Amino acid sequence: MIESGNPRLLKAPVKDGSEYSLYLEYKIGYKEENGSCIRRKEGLSLRLTANPRTQAQRTKNKETIELARKIRFEREQEFLQNKEGYRLKKSRSVNFLDYYQNYIKKYTKKDVRVIEMGLNDFKKFLMEKYPHFSTRVEPRYINKKMMEEFADYISEHHRGTGISSVHRRFKKVILAGVEDGLFSENPCKGIVLDSREDMLVKEILSAEELQQLFSTPYTWKYPDIRRAFAMTCFSGIRFCDVEALTYGDIDYGNRIISFRQQKTVGHSHKSGVVMPLNDTLMAIVGEMPKDATSETRIFKLPPNNGDDNCNHFLKQWTKAAGITKHITWHCGRHSFGTQLLSNGANIKVVADLLGHSSLKYVQIYTRAVDELKKKALDSLPKIDM
């Protein structure tokens, strides 16, 4: 057998044994009288050299097998469609890429950018692996084998938690397709990627690098980017929450900030965060302007979907500061957690400040601290004993 499924791709030797003939074998049912399987064969008029001796023969065999596999895949989809009947034919004839794009247009949650990444990755995957589906792929051609290959593709092209993040969002769209009748069953069922949530894969800024960055003048548009990034680095608040902070979230009298985390609201009892403001954070927030209201946002930032976005300006600033690490806004939050633990803070306190309901998400910072300690020890001069 060359490839499993229904139909299976099989080979049989020809009379003189010099070649193999390729054919498909369908399992179409069972006999009522004895329960034995009913099978049907389809010849493909394709042959392989039995014992290829030259490079040309090996190349020809490889090309023939690839062609046979594509034919088997198409026959499998046709067989499934005929078996499932007319009810699914109409919905399964749509272009899944169009369906995905319409899903994005209607999507209103904050993780829409990751949903879009899933579509872009899928298009690139199709271009590379299934070029005949690069502009149009009907749901009937999306099976588990293709989804397993796509999962491998995501693993190769993303790092750390980004792997599971993109894959989860893609599966979310697939599940919507199942509910809308595009798929008879979920082709992603049982496919799980390693989230690598026990690893801190994003860069962190050391205390010296933080000093280096904030000593470097910010000379680009949107000067509030400097204050906003300082807020993430010295409070650990996520960028999406920093972006949405208003003066109504600040209790100036008691020096407290309180807000609901957009990422976890509705999903965790720890979505609400109350944090004391030290002198540094009070200076970052600043006084409430006279013309501001409780709904006025503290930081005036550019929209994050154009070329002049927050990451673009952060990249320019870190480059000017001589920092060669790949720093994003979320690195500020990671730097905050790592610095606290490096300075001896209790892990439970750090979890509370970061708004985590579980300690497992803070464990990654302890591993980062251990790595920093190791690097510090390794930097000591070596002596002969």
Protein backbone atom coordinates (compact mmCIF):
# COMPACT_ATOMS: atom_id res chain seq x y z
CA MET A 1 0.00 0.00 0.00
CA ILE A 2 1.29 3.46 -0.93
CA GLU A 3 -1.35 5.62 0.80
CA SER A 4 -4.31 4.83 3.06
CA GLY A 5 -7.80 6.30 3.02
CA ASN A 6 -10.91 5.47 1.04
CA PRO A 7 -9.94 4.80 -1.65
CA ARG A 8 -6.52 3.32 -0.87
CA LEU A 9 -3.65 3.79 -3.31
CA LEU A 10 -2.14 0.36 -4.04
CA LYS A 11 0.36 -1.17 -6.41
CA ALA A 12 0.52 -4.59 -8.07
CA PRO A 13 3.40 -6.16 -10.01
CA VAL A 14 2.94 -6.66 -13.77
CA LYS A 15 3.62 -10.05 -15.33
CA ASP A 16 7.36 -9.75 -15.95
CA GLY A 17 8.00 -8.07 -12.55
CA SER A 18 9.80 -5.06 -14.04
CA GLU A 19 7.02 -2.61 -13.18
CA TYR A 20 4.19 -1.97 -10.76
CA SER A 21 0.71 -0.95 -11.84
CA LEU A 22 -1.04 1.63 -9.63
CA TYR A 23 -4.73 1.41 -8.79
CA LEU A 24 -7.31 2.62 -6.28
CA GLU A 25 -9.37 0.34 -4.07
CA TYR A 26 -12.68 1.64 -2.64
CA LYS A 27 -14.44 0.22 0.38
CA ILE A 28 -18.11 0.79 -0.49
CA GLY A 29 -19.98 -1.28 2.12
CA TYR A 30 -20.54 -4.67 3.68
CA LYS A 31 -22.50 -7.76 2.60
CA GLU A 32 -25.57 -8.38 4.74
CA GLU A 33 -25.25 -12.17 4.70
CA ASN A 34 -21.74 -12.47 6.14
CA GLY A 35 -20.54 -8.92 6.91
CA SER A 36 -17.60 -9.12 4.50
CA CYS A 37 -16.36 -5.90 2.95
CA ILE A 38 -17.44 -4.91 -0.54
CA ARG A 39 -14.55 -3.40 -2.50
CA ARG A 40 -14.20 -1.83 -5.93
CA LYS A 41 -11.02 -1.21 -7.93
CA GLU A 42 -10.11 1.58 -10.33
CA GLY A 43 -7.04 1.35 -12.53
CA LEU A 44 -5.03 4.56 -12.98
CA SER A 45 -2.99 3.64 -16.09
CA LEU A 46 0.12 4.65 -14.16
CA ARG A 47 3.21 2.49 -13.70
CA LEU A 48 6.35 2.51 -11.56
CA THR A 49 9.72 0.99 -12.36
CA ALA A 50 10.13 -1.92 -9.92
CA ASN A 51 13.87 -1.51 -9.34
CA PRO A 52 14.91 1.97 -10.51
CA ARG A 53 18.61 2.07 -11.34
CA THR A 54 19.05 5.54 -12.79
CA GLN A 55 18.27 8.99 -11.43
CA ALA A 56 15.83 9.51 -14.30
CA GLN A 57 13.89 6.37 -13.31
CA ARG A 58 13.78 7.43 -9.64
CA THR A 59 12.60 10.93 -10.56
CA LYS A 60 9.91 9.48 -12.84
CA ASN A 61 8.71 7.17 -10.06
CA LYS A 62 8.50 10.08 -7.62
CA GLU A 63 6.49 12.21 -10.06
CA THR A 64 4.16 9.30 -10.84
CA ILE A 65 3.48 8.65 -7.14
CA GLU A 66 2.74 12.35 -6.53
CA LEU A 67 0.28 12.38 -9.43
CA ALA A 68 -1.38 9.20 -8.15
CA ARG A 69 -1.71 10.66 -4.65
CA LYS A 70 -3.42 13.77 -6.02
CA ILE A 71 -5.84 11.62 -7.99
CA ARG A 72 -6.53 9.51 -4.87
CA PHE A 73 -7.18 12.66 -2.83
CA GLU A 74 -9.64 14.02 -5.42
CA ARG A 75 -11.42 10.66 -5.72
CA GLU A 76 -11.75 10.50 -1.93
CA GLN A 77 -13.45 13.88 -1.83
CA GLU A 78 -15.80 12.94 -4.70
CA PHE A 79 -16.63 9.67 -2.95
CA LEU A 80 -17.41 11.45 0.33
CA GLN A 81 -19.59 14.03 -1.40
CA ASN A 82 -21.65 11.40 -3.21
CA LYS A 83 -21.95 9.36 -0.02
CA GLU A 84 -23.13 12.31 2.09
CA GLY A 85 -25.80 13.34 -0.41
CA TYR A 86 -27.18 16.55 -1.79
CA ARG A 87 -27.69 18.35 1.53
CA LEU A 88 -24.02 19.27 1.87
CA LYS A 89 -23.23 19.83 -1.81
CA LYS A 90 -24.30 23.47 -2.00
CA SER A 91 -22.49 24.69 1.13
CA ARG A 92 -19.40 22.64 0.38
CA SER A 93 -18.99 24.20 -3.07
CA VAL A 94 -18.07 27.63 -1.63
CA ASN A 95 -14.50 28.90 -1.61
CA PHE A 96 -13.25 28.37 1.95
CA LEU A 97 -10.81 31.28 1.52
CA ASP A 98 -13.77 33.60 0.87
CA TYR A 99 -15.62 32.11 3.83
CA TYR A 100 -12.59 32.75 6.06
CA GLN A 101 -12.30 36.37 4.85
CA ASN A 102 -15.99 37.00 5.57
CA TYR A 103 -15.51 35.48 9.02
CA ILE A 104 -12.76 38.04 9.69
CA LYS A 105 -14.98 40.93 8.53
CA LYS A 106 -17.66 39.95 11.05
CA TYR A 107 -15.20 39.20 13.88
CA THR A 108 -15.21 41.82 16.64
CA LYS A 109 -12.83 40.46 19.31
CA LYS A 110 -9.34 41.73 20.03
CA ASP A 111 -7.54 38.66 18.67
CA VAL A 112 -8.65 39.39 15.09
CA ARG A 113 -5.01 39.97 14.08
CA VAL A 114 -4.15 36.36 14.97
CA ILE A 115 -7.24 35.17 13.05
CA GLU A 116 -5.85 37.05 10.02
CA MET A 117 -2.44 35.44 10.52
CA GLY A 118 -4.11 32.04 10.27
CA LEU A 119 -5.61 32.93 6.88
CA ASN A 120 -2.31 34.32 5.56
CA ASP A 121 -0.47 31.20 6.72
CA PHE A 122 -3.07 28.93 5.12
CA LYS A 123 -2.79 30.76 1.78
CA LYS A 124 1.01 30.44 1.83
CA PHE A 125 0.70 26.77 2.79
CA LEU A 126 -1.64 26.10 -0.13
CA MET A 127 0.68 27.93 -2.52
CA GLU A 128 3.57 25.75 -1.39
CA LYS A 129 1.89 22.36 -0.91
CA TYR A 130 -1.29 22.51 -3.00
CA PRO A 131 -0.77 25.19 -5.67
CA HIS A 132 -3.91 24.10 -7.57
CA PHE A 133 -5.89 25.22 -4.47
CA SER A 134 -3.97 28.49 -3.93
CA THR A 135 -6.88 30.78 -4.91
CA ARG A 136 -9.84 28.47 -4.39
CA VAL A 137 -10.24 25.49 -2.10
CA GLU A 138 -13.68 24.02 -1.46
CA PRO A 139 -14.34 22.61 2.02
CA ARG A 140 -14.78 19.11 0.54
CA TYR A 141 -11.05 19.08 -0.28
CA ILE A 142 -9.97 20.03 3.26
CA ASN A 143 -9.40 16.75 5.07
CA LYS A 144 -7.43 15.61 8.12
CA LYS A 145 -4.29 14.83 6.12
CA MET A 146 -4.19 18.39 4.77
CA MET A 147 -4.81 19.79 8.26
CA GLU A 148 -1.98 17.71 9.73
CA GLU A 149 0.34 19.07 7.05
CA PHE A 150 -0.85 22.61 7.79
CA ALA A 151 -0.20 22.08 11.51
CA ASP A 152 3.37 21.08 10.65
CA TYR A 153 3.66 24.19 8.47
CA ILE A 154 2.59 26.43 11.38
CA SER A 155 5.14 24.75 13.66
CA GLU A 156 7.90 25.48 11.14
CA HIS A 157 6.97 29.13 10.58
CA HIS A 158 6.13 30.35 14.11
CA ARG A 159 7.93 30.36 17.42
CA GLY A 160 6.90 29.51 20.97
CA THR A 161 3.32 30.29 22.02
CA GLY A 162 2.66 31.76 18.57
CA ILE A 163 2.44 28.20 17.24
CA SER A 164 -0.57 27.17 19.32
CA SER A 165 -2.08 30.67 19.20
CA VAL A 166 -2.37 30.75 15.40
CA HIS A 167 -3.48 27.12 15.23
CA ARG A 168 -6.23 27.62 17.84
CA ARG A 169 -7.65 30.60 15.93
CA PHE A 170 -7.56 28.71 12.62
CA LYS A 171 -9.43 25.78 14.21
CA LYS A 172 -11.97 28.29 15.49
CA VAL A 173 -12.84 29.22 11.89
CA ILE A 174 -12.97 25.54 10.89
CA LEU A 175 -15.39 24.86 13.74
CA ALA A 176 -17.59 27.73 12.53
CA GLY A 177 -17.54 26.07 9.11
CA VAL A 178 -18.69 22.80 10.67
CA GLU A 179 -21.59 24.60 12.34
CA ASP A 180 -22.50 26.30 9.04
CA GLY A 181 -22.60 22.96 7.20
CA LEU A 182 -19.39 23.37 5.16
CA PHE A 183 -17.90 20.22 6.69
CA SER A 184 -19.59 16.97 7.62
CA GLU A 185 -17.05 16.58 10.43
CA ASN A 186 -14.21 18.64 11.86
CA PRO A 187 -11.03 17.92 9.81
CA CYS A 188 -8.90 19.37 12.66
CA LYS A 189 -10.31 17.03 15.29
CA GLY A 190 -7.55 15.46 17.36
CA ILE A 191 -4.79 17.68 15.95
CA VAL A 192 -3.01 19.47 18.82
CA LEU A 193 0.21 21.47 18.64
CA ASP A 194 2.79 21.89 21.39
CA SER A 195 2.08 25.32 22.87
CA ARG A 196 5.53 25.55 24.49
CA GLU A 197 3.91 27.60 27.24
CA ASP A 198 6.66 26.56 29.64
CA MET A 199 9.22 28.52 27.63
CA LEU A 200 9.79 32.27 27.56
CA VAL A 201 10.53 32.72 23.89
CA LYS A 202 10.08 36.48 23.63
CA GLU A 203 13.03 38.76 24.31
CA ILE A 204 13.26 40.54 27.66
CA LEU A 205 14.96 43.77 28.57
CA SER A 206 17.45 43.76 31.42
CA ALA A 207 17.56 46.57 33.99
CA GLU A 208 20.56 48.04 32.14
CA GLU A 209 18.74 47.89 28.79
CA LEU A 210 15.65 49.55 30.25
CA GLN A 211 17.86 52.40 31.48
CA GLN A 212 19.57 52.52 28.09
CA LEU A 213 16.24 52.71 26.23
CA PHE A 214 14.59 55.36 28.36
CA SER A 215 17.75 57.46 28.30
CA THR A 216 17.44 57.57 24.50
CA PRO A 217 15.28 60.49 23.24
CA TYR A 218 12.10 59.50 21.40
CA THR A 219 12.02 61.73 18.30
CA TRP A 220 9.25 60.20 16.15
CA LYS A 221 5.51 60.82 15.80
CA TYR A 222 3.15 59.95 18.63
CA PRO A 223 5.35 60.88 21.61
CA ASP A 224 2.98 59.04 23.98
CA ILE A 225 4.51 55.79 22.70
CA ARG A 226 7.42 56.37 25.08
CA ARG A 227 5.10 56.70 28.11
CA ALA A 228 2.88 53.83 26.99
CA PHE A 229 5.80 51.42 26.59
CA ALA A 230 7.13 52.54 29.98
CA MET A 231 3.72 51.60 31.39
CA THR A 232 4.04 48.03 30.11
CA CYS A 233 7.61 47.71 31.37
CA PHE A 234 6.94 49.05 34.89
CA SER A 235 3.43 47.73 35.50
CA GLY A 236 3.24 44.58 33.31
CA ILE A 237 -0.07 45.71 31.82
CA ARG A 238 -0.71 44.27 28.34
CA PHE A 239 -0.56 46.61 25.36
CA CYS A 240 -4.28 46.18 24.55
CA ASP A 241 -5.12 47.33 28.10
CA VAL A 242 -2.57 50.17 28.14
CA GLU A 243 -4.04 51.39 24.86
CA ALA A 244 -7.54 51.46 26.39
CA LEU A 245 -6.64 53.03 29.78
CA THR A 246 -8.66 56.14 30.65
CA TYR A 247 -8.32 58.73 33.39
CA GLY A 248 -11.40 57.15 34.98
CA ASP A 249 -9.24 54.08 35.73
CA ILE A 250 -6.96 56.15 37.98
CA ASP A 251 -7.73 56.86 41.63
CA TYR A 252 -5.32 59.76 42.18
CA GLY A 253 -6.18 60.16 45.86
CA ASN A 254 -5.32 56.55 46.77
CA ARG A 255 -2.72 56.15 43.98
CA ILE A 256 -4.44 53.08 42.52
CA ILE A 257 -5.23 51.92 38.99
CA SER A 258 -8.11 49.51 38.38
CA PHE A 259 -9.39 48.05 35.10
CA ARG A 260 -10.62 44.83 33.48
CA GLN A 261 -8.21 42.88 31.29
CA GLN A 262 -9.62 42.66 27.79
CA LYS A 263 -7.95 39.32 27.11
CA THR A 264 -9.53 37.50 30.07
CA VAL A 265 -12.82 39.33 30.71
CA GLY A 266 -15.61 36.75 30.64
CA HIS A 267 -13.10 33.89 30.82
CA SER A 268 -11.47 34.30 34.23
CA HIS A 269 -12.46 35.50 37.68
CA LYS A 270 -9.15 37.39 37.69
CA SER A 271 -10.08 39.67 34.79
CA GLY A 272 -10.22 42.64 37.17
CA VAL A 273 -6.85 44.17 38.14
CA VAL A 274 -6.23 46.61 41.00
CA MET A 275 -2.65 47.84 41.27
CA PRO A 276 -0.95 50.43 43.50
CA LEU A 277 0.88 53.19 41.66
CA ASN A 278 4.41 54.02 42.82
CA ASP A 279 6.16 57.30 42.02
CA THR A 280 7.43 56.02 38.67
CA LEU A 281 3.98 54.92 37.52
CA MET A 282 2.37 58.13 38.77
CA ALA A 283 4.90 60.09 36.71
CA ILE A 284 4.14 57.93 33.64
CA VAL A 285 0.37 58.48 33.98
CA GLY A 286 0.76 62.18 34.71
CA GLU A 287 -1.86 64.62 35.93
CA MET A 288 -5.33 64.56 34.40
CA PRO A 289 -5.57 67.39 31.82
CA LYS A 290 -8.15 70.07 32.56
CA ASP A 291 -10.06 69.39 29.34
CA ALA A 292 -10.12 65.60 29.89
CA THR A 293 -13.03 63.50 31.17
CA SER A 294 -13.09 60.11 32.84
CA GLU A 295 -13.50 58.59 29.33
CA THR A 296 -10.42 60.31 27.89
CA ARG A 297 -7.64 57.86 27.05
CA ILE A 298 -4.37 58.43 28.88
CA PHE A 299 -2.15 57.58 25.90
CA LYS A 300 -2.71 58.93 22.38
CA LEU A 301 -1.46 56.13 20.13
CA PRO A 302 -1.69 55.41 16.39
CA PRO A 303 -4.07 52.75 15.06
CA ASN A 304 -2.33 49.39 15.09
CA ASN A 305 -3.39 48.23 11.62
CA GLY A 306 -1.43 50.62 9.39
CA ASP A 307 2.22 51.07 8.45
CA ASP A 308 2.68 53.76 11.12
CA ASN A 309 1.73 51.46 13.98
CA CYS A 310 3.03 51.21 17.54
CA ASN A 311 5.40 48.31 16.83
CA HIS A 312 6.93 50.26 13.93
CA PHE A 313 7.83 53.22 16.14
CA LEU A 314 8.99 50.99 19.01
CA LYS A 315 11.35 49.26 16.59
CA GLN A 316 12.79 52.62 15.48
CA TRP A 317 13.31 53.72 19.05
CA THR A 318 15.00 50.51 20.28
CA LYS A 319 17.26 50.59 17.23
CA ALA A 320 18.30 54.17 18.03
CA ALA A 321 19.05 53.03 21.60
CA GLY A 322 21.45 50.41 20.25
CA ILE A 323 19.31 47.46 21.39
CA THR A 324 19.57 44.63 18.85
CA LYS A 325 16.97 42.35 20.43
CA HIS A 326 13.61 41.87 18.69
CA ILE A 327 11.50 43.92 21.10
CA THR A 328 7.71 44.06 20.83
CA TRP A 329 5.16 45.59 23.18
CA HIS A 330 4.55 42.28 24.93
CA CYS A 331 8.26 42.12 25.78
CA GLY A 332 7.60 44.95 28.22
CA ARG A 333 5.23 42.72 30.21
CA HIS A 334 7.74 39.84 30.16
CA SER A 335 10.52 42.19 31.28
CA PHE A 336 8.36 43.39 34.19
CA GLY A 337 7.69 39.84 35.45
CA THR A 338 11.33 38.79 35.08
CA GLN A 339 12.69 41.89 36.84
CA LEU A 340 10.34 41.43 39.80
CA LEU A 341 11.40 37.81 40.32
CA SER A 342 15.07 38.72 39.83
CA ASN A 343 14.69 41.21 42.67
CA GLY A 344 13.23 38.59 45.00
CA ALA A 345 9.47 39.21 44.69
CA ASN A 346 7.16 36.38 45.73
CA ILE A 347 5.81 34.43 42.74
CA LYS A 348 2.21 34.75 44.04
CA VAL A 349 2.59 38.53 44.23
CA VAL A 350 3.94 38.62 40.68
CA ALA A 351 0.99 36.51 39.46
CA ASP A 352 -1.46 38.91 41.13
CA LEU A 353 0.22 41.99 39.64
CA LEU A 354 0.10 40.41 36.19
CA GLY A 355 -3.55 39.46 36.64
CA HIS A 356 -2.98 35.71 36.34
CA SER A 357 -5.34 33.30 38.09
CA SER A 358 -2.75 30.51 37.98
CA LEU A 359 0.93 30.35 38.87
CA LYS A 360 1.74 28.22 35.82
CA TYR A 361 1.91 31.28 33.57
CA VAL A 362 4.48 32.89 35.88
CA GLN A 363 6.72 29.81 35.90
CA ILE A 364 8.19 30.93 32.57
CA TYR A 365 9.65 33.97 34.31
CA THR A 366 11.34 31.86 36.97
CA ARG A 367 13.04 29.87 34.19
CA ALA A 368 14.16 33.13 32.58
CA VAL A 369 15.58 34.29 35.91
CA ASP A 370 17.48 30.99 36.28
CA GLU A 371 18.93 31.50 32.81
CA LEU A 372 20.01 35.05 33.70
CA LYS A 373 21.71 33.75 36.87
CA LYS A 374 23.54 31.14 34.81
CA LYS A 375 24.73 33.78 32.33
CA ALA A 376 25.90 35.97 35.22
CA LEU A 377 27.92 33.11 36.70
CA ASP A 378 29.35 32.18 33.30
CA SER A 379 30.56 35.77 32.88
CA LEU A 380 32.95 35.42 35.82
CA PRO A 381 36.65 35.02 34.91
CA LYS A 382 37.98 31.48 34.77
CA ILE A 383 40.96 30.55 36.87
CA ASP A 384 43.25 27.54 36.98
CA MET A 385 43.21 25.58 40.25
